[in-house]
Amino acid sequence: MFQRRNQQLVLDRISQVLDATAEGHAEHLTKLFDAARHIFIAGAGRSRLVGSFLAMRLMHAGYGVSLVGEIVTPSLSSGDLLLVISGSGETEQLVAFAKRAGVLGADVVLISANTDSTLAELSTVVFQIGTADLYDTVQGMPMGTVFELSALCFLEALISHIIWDKGIPEEEMRSRHANLE
């Protein structure tokens, strides 16, 4: 009984956040991805894990993408896009990445719960997931869980949009999947 109630709590809150997210984000992000020479994704903690999910799916869809901080991440330059995922918009390491990306001439895109943040000020475009009031403390969903799960669902829906919009067959995506597993 408690498990079902908690599952419903999580699903209901994510649905509320996604319902409160502005329409058009998927189309706008797709255009930004298409225009970028290379996509770099940065996040910290669980937001970085969400970024890893996105990076894998973008690679499957045929985009040039790298995770910031990996040993094989190439250098960033003008024409590239740095996508930062940060609920607070204040993580110091991510702020440093955004500042450096701006100096190097890359666009900085922020996915966040907080549009009034240091990262928002440094970003070319900010995509707010939900509204600030939906991130108040939720019993059983501590320390950023609402944002991270909502961002993950939003970004998976974005990938679905890209796949449908571009008509990418699953077989093509599967051909790009790691085969040394």
C-alpha atoms as a PDB file:
ATOM      1  CA  MET A   1       0.000   0.000   0.000  1.00  0.00           C
ATOM      2  CA  PHE A   2       2.756   2.466   0.932  1.00  0.00           C
ATOM      3  CA  GLN A   3       4.719   1.598  -2.193  1.00  0.00           C
ATOM      4  CA  ARG A   4       1.772   2.347  -4.499  1.00  0.00           C
ATOM      5  CA  ARG A   5       1.058   5.603  -2.664  1.00  0.00           C
ATOM      6  CA  ASN A   6       4.685   6.696  -3.004  1.00  0.00           C
ATOM      7  CA  GLN A   7       4.793   5.716  -6.673  1.00  0.00           C
ATOM      8  CA  GLN A   8       1.689   7.800  -7.268  1.00  0.00           C
ATOM      9  CA  LEU A   9       3.190  10.736  -5.348  1.00  0.00           C
ATOM     10  CA  VAL A  10       6.256  10.707  -7.625  1.00  0.00           C
ATOM     11  CA  LEU A  11       4.227  10.312 -10.822  1.00  0.00           C
ATOM     12  CA  ASP A  12       1.766  13.028  -9.830  1.00  0.00           C
ATOM     13  CA  ARG A  13       4.497  15.550  -9.035  1.00  0.00           C
ATOM     14  CA  ILE A  14       6.422  14.867 -12.250  1.00  0.00           C
ATOM     15  CA  SER A  15       3.179  15.232 -14.208  1.00  0.00           C
ATOM     16  CA  GLN A  16       2.480  18.555 -12.493  1.00  0.00           C
ATOM     17  CA  VAL A  17       5.953  19.844 -13.335  1.00  0.00           C
ATOM     18  CA  LEU A  18       5.795  18.724 -16.957  1.00  0.00           C
ATOM     19  CA  ASP A  19       2.270  20.146 -17.358  1.00  0.00           C
ATOM     20  CA  ALA A  20       3.609  23.495 -16.077  1.00  0.00           C
ATOM     21  CA  THR A  21       6.565  23.471 -18.489  1.00  0.00           C
ATOM     22  CA  ALA A  22       6.158  25.901 -21.367  1.00  0.00           C
ATOM     23  CA  GLU A  23       5.156  24.490 -24.736  1.00  0.00           C
ATOM     24  CA  GLY A  24       7.700  24.748 -27.527  1.00  0.00           C
ATOM     25  CA  HIS A  25      10.816  23.763 -25.580  1.00  0.00           C
ATOM     26  CA  ALA A  26      11.328  20.586 -27.641  1.00  0.00           C
ATOM     27  CA  GLU A  27      11.187  22.421 -30.967  1.00  0.00           C
ATOM     28  CA  HIS A  28      13.488  25.178 -29.743  1.00  0.00           C
ATOM     29  CA  LEU A  29      16.047  22.761 -28.266  1.00  0.00           C
ATOM     30  CA  THR A  30      15.996  20.659 -31.441  1.00  0.00           C
ATOM     31  CA  LYS A  31      16.823  23.751 -33.515  1.00  0.00           C
ATOM     32  CA  LEU A  32      19.675  24.623 -31.168  1.00  0.00           C
ATOM     33  CA  PHE A  33      21.046  21.066 -31.351  1.00  0.00           C
ATOM     34  CA  ASP A  34      20.773  21.056 -35.148  1.00  0.00           C
ATOM     35  CA  ALA A  35      22.644  24.369 -35.406  1.00  0.00           C
ATOM     36  CA  ALA A  36      25.473  23.328 -33.082  1.00  0.00           C
ATOM     37  CA  ARG A  37      28.783  22.109 -34.443  1.00  0.00           C
ATOM     38  CA  HIS A  38      29.102  19.870 -31.363  1.00  0.00           C
ATOM     39  CA  ILE A  39      26.995  19.493 -28.206  1.00  0.00           C
ATOM     40  CA  PHE A  40      28.642  19.417 -24.776  1.00  0.00           C
ATOM     41  CA  ILE A  41      26.558  18.397 -21.769  1.00  0.00           C
ATOM     42  CA  ALA A  42      27.402  19.338 -18.182  1.00  0.00           C
ATOM     43  CA  GLY A  43      25.741  18.684 -14.857  1.00  0.00           C
ATOM     44  CA  ALA A  44      26.728  17.818 -11.315  1.00  0.00           C
ATOM     45  CA  GLY A  45      25.607  14.886  -9.208  1.00  0.00           C
ATOM     46  CA  ARG A  46      22.297  13.406 -10.282  1.00  0.00           C
ATOM     47  CA  SER A  47      21.835  16.140 -12.896  1.00  0.00           C
ATOM     48  CA  ARG A  48      25.012  14.834 -14.527  1.00  0.00           C
ATOM     49  CA  LEU A  49      23.426  11.392 -14.642  1.00  0.00           C
ATOM     50  CA  VAL A  50      20.415  12.933 -16.398  1.00  0.00           C
ATOM     51  CA  GLY A  51      22.884  14.524 -18.829  1.00  0.00           C
ATOM     52  CA  SER A  52      24.438  11.117 -19.456  1.00  0.00           C
ATOM     53  CA  PHE A  53      21.044   9.739 -20.445  1.00  0.00           C
ATOM     54  CA  LEU A  54      20.569  12.631 -22.860  1.00  0.00           C
ATOM     55  CA  ALA A  55      24.079  12.353 -24.318  1.00  0.00           C
ATOM     56  CA  MET A  56      23.577   8.676 -25.095  1.00  0.00           C
ATOM     57  CA  ARG A  57      20.255   9.270 -26.821  1.00  0.00           C
ATOM     58  CA  LEU A  58      21.575  12.237 -28.815  1.00  0.00           C
ATOM     59  CA  MET A  59      24.482  10.070 -29.978  1.00  0.00           C
ATOM     60  CA  HIS A  60      22.000   7.366 -30.981  1.00  0.00           C
ATOM     61  CA  ALA A  61      20.099  10.014 -32.948  1.00  0.00           C
ATOM     62  CA  GLY A  62      23.268  10.975 -34.835  1.00  0.00           C
ATOM     63  CA  TYR A  63      24.426  14.122 -33.044  1.00  0.00           C
ATOM     64  CA  GLY A  64      28.040  14.853 -32.125  1.00  0.00           C
ATOM     65  CA  VAL A  65      27.899  14.992 -28.341  1.00  0.00           C
ATOM     66  CA  SER A  66      30.302  14.821 -25.393  1.00  0.00           C
ATOM     67  CA  LEU A  67      30.003  14.860 -21.623  1.00  0.00           C
ATOM     68  CA  VAL A  68      32.049  17.560 -19.946  1.00  0.00           C
ATOM     69  CA  GLY A  69      34.649  16.046 -17.651  1.00  0.00           C
ATOM     70  CA  GLU A  70      35.226  12.790 -19.494  1.00  0.00           C
ATOM     71  CA  ILE A  71      38.839  12.063 -20.430  1.00  0.00           C
ATOM     72  CA  VAL A  72      37.978  11.928 -24.159  1.00  0.00           C
ATOM     73  CA  THR A  73      35.937  15.152 -24.258  1.00  0.00           C
ATOM     74  CA  PRO A  74      37.263  17.366 -27.071  1.00  0.00           C
ATOM     75  CA  SER A  75      37.891  21.079 -26.781  1.00  0.00           C
ATOM     76  CA  LEU A  76      34.944  23.435 -27.029  1.00  0.00           C
ATOM     77  CA  SER A  77      34.942  26.350 -29.472  1.00  0.00           C
ATOM     78  CA  SER A  78      32.773  28.842 -31.301  1.00  0.00           C
ATOM     79  CA  GLY A  79      29.793  27.189 -32.949  1.00  0.00           C
ATOM     80  CA  ASP A  80      29.474  24.596 -30.196  1.00  0.00           C
ATOM     81  CA  LEU A  81      26.706  24.384 -27.638  1.00  0.00           C
ATOM     82  CA  LEU A  82      27.156  23.784 -23.915  1.00  0.00           C
ATOM     83  CA  LEU A  83      23.968  22.380 -22.379  1.00  0.00           C
ATOM     84  CA  VAL A  84      24.001  22.730 -18.594  1.00  0.00           C
ATOM     85  CA  ILE A  85      21.517  20.845 -16.421  1.00  0.00           C
ATOM     86  CA  SER A  86      21.222  22.391 -12.951  1.00  0.00           C
ATOM     87  CA  GLY A  87      18.188  22.592 -10.715  1.00  0.00           C
ATOM     88  CA  SER A  88      19.565  25.481  -8.662  1.00  0.00           C
ATOM     89  CA  GLY A  89      21.528  27.224 -11.392  1.00  0.00           C
ATOM     90  CA  GLU A  90      24.210  27.999  -8.815  1.00  0.00           C
ATOM     91  CA  THR A  91      26.626  25.040  -8.843  1.00  0.00           C
ATOM     92  CA  GLU A  92      30.082  26.661  -8.816  1.00  0.00           C
ATOM     93  CA  GLN A  93      31.759  24.190 -11.168  1.00  0.00           C
ATOM     94  CA  LEU A  94      28.959  24.589 -13.716  1.00  0.00           C
ATOM     95  CA  VAL A  95      29.127  28.373 -13.424  1.00  0.00           C
ATOM     96  CA  ALA A  96      32.864  28.150 -14.243  1.00  0.00           C
ATOM     97  CA  PHE A  97      32.112  25.947 -17.278  1.00  0.00           C
ATOM     98  CA  ALA A  98      29.485  28.412 -18.531  1.00  0.00           C
ATOM     99  CA  LYS A  99      31.838  31.382 -18.121  1.00  0.00           C
ATOM    100  CA  ARG A 100      34.597  29.595 -20.034  1.00  0.00           C
ATOM    101  CA  ALA A 101      32.199  28.487 -22.793  1.00  0.00           C
ATOM    102  CA  GLY A 102      31.058  32.087 -23.218  1.00  0.00           C
ATOM    103  CA  VAL A 103      34.665  33.294 -23.527  1.00  0.00           C
ATOM    104  CA  LEU A 104      35.290  30.608 -26.163  1.00  0.00           C
ATOM    105  CA  GLY A 105      32.262  31.731 -28.203  1.00  0.00           C
ATOM    106  CA  ALA A 106      29.951  28.776 -27.580  1.00  0.00           C
ATOM    107  CA  ASP A 107      26.257  29.113 -26.854  1.00  0.00           C
ATOM    108  CA  VAL A 108      25.268  28.175 -23.309  1.00  0.00           C
ATOM    109  CA  VAL A 109      21.853  26.608 -22.787  1.00  0.00           C
ATOM    110  CA  LEU A 110      20.501  26.004 -19.302  1.00  0.00           C
ATOM    111  CA  ILE A 111      17.859  23.522 -18.227  1.00  0.00           C
ATOM    112  CA  SER A 112      16.843  24.476 -14.704  1.00  0.00           C
ATOM    113  CA  ALA A 113      14.171  24.958 -12.096  1.00  0.00           C
ATOM    114  CA  ASN A 114      15.561  28.430 -11.375  1.00  0.00           C
ATOM    115  CA  THR A 115      15.527  31.172 -13.999  1.00  0.00           C
ATOM    116  CA  ASP A 116      16.844  33.728 -11.513  1.00  0.00           C
ATOM    117  CA  SER A 117      20.339  32.306 -11.068  1.00  0.00           C
ATOM    118  CA  THR A 118      23.965  32.882 -11.930  1.00  0.00           C
ATOM    119  CA  LEU A 119      23.829  30.216 -14.658  1.00  0.00           C
ATOM    120  CA  ALA A 120      20.696  31.792 -16.125  1.00  0.00           C
ATOM    121  CA  GLU A 121      22.526  35.112 -16.409  1.00  0.00           C
ATOM    122  CA  LEU A 122      25.413  33.405 -18.231  1.00  0.00           C
ATOM    123  CA  SER A 123      23.179  31.476 -20.622  1.00  0.00           C
ATOM    124  CA  THR A 124      22.104  32.281 -24.149  1.00  0.00           C
ATOM    125  CA  VAL A 125      18.804  30.455 -23.573  1.00  0.00           C
ATOM    126  CA  VAL A 126      17.153  29.159 -20.403  1.00  0.00           C
ATOM    127  CA  PHE A 127      14.556  26.392 -20.391  1.00  0.00           C
ATOM    128  CA  GLN A 128      12.682  26.276 -17.101  1.00  0.00           C
ATOM    129  CA  ILE A 129      11.242  22.886 -16.272  1.00  0.00           C
ATOM    130  CA  GLY A 130       7.997  23.495 -14.384  1.00  0.00           C
ATOM    131  CA  THR A 131       7.512  26.505 -12.156  1.00  0.00           C
ATOM    132  CA  ALA A 132       9.328  27.492  -8.984  1.00  0.00           C
ATOM    133  CA  ASP A 133       6.378  26.725  -6.676  1.00  0.00           C
ATOM    134  CA  LEU A 134       6.374  23.067  -7.765  1.00  0.00           C
ATOM    135  CA  TYR A 135       9.819  22.577  -6.232  1.00  0.00           C
ATOM    136  CA  ASP A 136       8.790  23.326  -2.683  1.00  0.00           C
ATOM    137  CA  THR A 137       9.649  20.517  -0.297  1.00  0.00           C
ATOM    138  CA  VAL A 138       7.774  17.360  -1.220  1.00  0.00           C
ATOM    139  CA  GLN A 139       7.635  14.684   1.468  1.00  0.00           C
ATOM    140  CA  GLY A 140       9.450  11.597   0.183  1.00  0.00           C
ATOM    141  CA  MET A 141      11.177  13.429  -2.695  1.00  0.00           C
ATOM    142  CA  PRO A 142      14.224  15.089  -1.092  1.00  0.00           C
ATOM    143  CA  MET A 143      17.129  17.179  -2.301  1.00  0.00           C
ATOM    144  CA  GLY A 144      16.352  17.888  -5.937  1.00  0.00           C
ATOM    145  CA  THR A 145      14.539  14.683  -6.794  1.00  0.00           C
ATOM    146  CA  VAL A 146      11.557  16.509  -8.309  1.00  0.00           C
ATOM    147  CA  PHE A 147      13.776  18.489 -10.697  1.00  0.00           C
ATOM    148  CA  GLU A 148      16.001  15.592 -11.709  1.00  0.00           C
ATOM    149  CA  LEU A 149      13.178  13.169 -12.445  1.00  0.00           C
ATOM    150  CA  SER A 150      11.197  15.871 -14.239  1.00  0.00           C
ATOM    151  CA  ALA A 151      14.229  16.894 -16.312  1.00  0.00           C
ATOM    152  CA  LEU A 152      14.875  13.244 -17.193  1.00  0.00           C
ATOM    153  CA  CYS A 153      11.281  12.755 -18.358  1.00  0.00           C
ATOM    154  CA  PHE A 154      11.310  16.066 -20.240  1.00  0.00           C
ATOM    155  CA  LEU A 155      14.548  15.167 -22.022  1.00  0.00           C
ATOM    156  CA  GLU A 156      13.352  11.647 -22.901  1.00  0.00           C
ATOM    157  CA  ALA A 157      10.245  13.260 -24.412  1.00  0.00           C
ATOM    158  CA  LEU A 158      12.582  15.623 -26.309  1.00  0.00           C
ATOM    159  CA  ILE A 159      14.399  12.626 -27.769  1.00  0.00           C
ATOM    160  CA  SER A 160      11.044  11.140 -28.756  1.00  0.00           C
ATOM    161  CA  HIS A 161      10.240  14.441 -30.499  1.00  0.00           C
ATOM    162  CA  ILE A 162      13.573  14.391 -32.348  1.00  0.00           C
ATOM    163  CA  ILE A 163      13.123  10.779 -33.451  1.00  0.00           C
ATOM    164  CA  TRP A 164       9.607  11.422 -34.766  1.00  0.00           C
ATOM    165  CA  ASP A 165      10.427  14.830 -36.251  1.00  0.00           C
ATOM    166  CA  LYS A 166      13.437  13.529 -38.162  1.00  0.00           C
ATOM    167  CA  GLY A 167      12.006  10.086 -38.916  1.00  0.00           C
ATOM    168  CA  ILE A 168      14.992   8.274 -37.405  1.00  0.00           C
ATOM    169  CA  PRO A 169      14.341   4.533 -37.483  1.00  0.00           C
ATOM    170  CA  GLU A 170      15.155   2.555 -34.347  1.00  0.00           C
ATOM    171  CA  GLU A 171      17.405   0.281 -36.419  1.00  0.00           C
ATOM    172  CA  GLU A 172      19.556   3.308 -37.286  1.00  0.00           C
ATOM    173  CA  MET A 173      19.758   4.290 -33.636  1.00  0.00           C
ATOM    174  CA  ARG A 174      20.555   0.716 -32.647  1.00  0.00           C
ATOM    175  CA  SER A 175      23.430   0.657 -35.164  1.00  0.00           C
ATOM    176  CA  ARG A 176      25.071   3.479 -33.172  1.00  0.00           C
ATOM    177  CA  HIS A 177      24.607   1.746 -29.809  1.00  0.00           C
ATOM    178  CA  ALA A 178      27.708   0.448 -28.022  1.00  0.00           C
ATOM    179  CA  ASN A 179      28.548  -3.071 -29.189  1.00  0.00           C
ATOM    180  CA  LEU A 180      31.387  -3.939 -26.805  1.00  0.00           C
ATOM    181  CA  GLU A 181      29.005  -4.667 -23.943  1.00  0.00           C
END
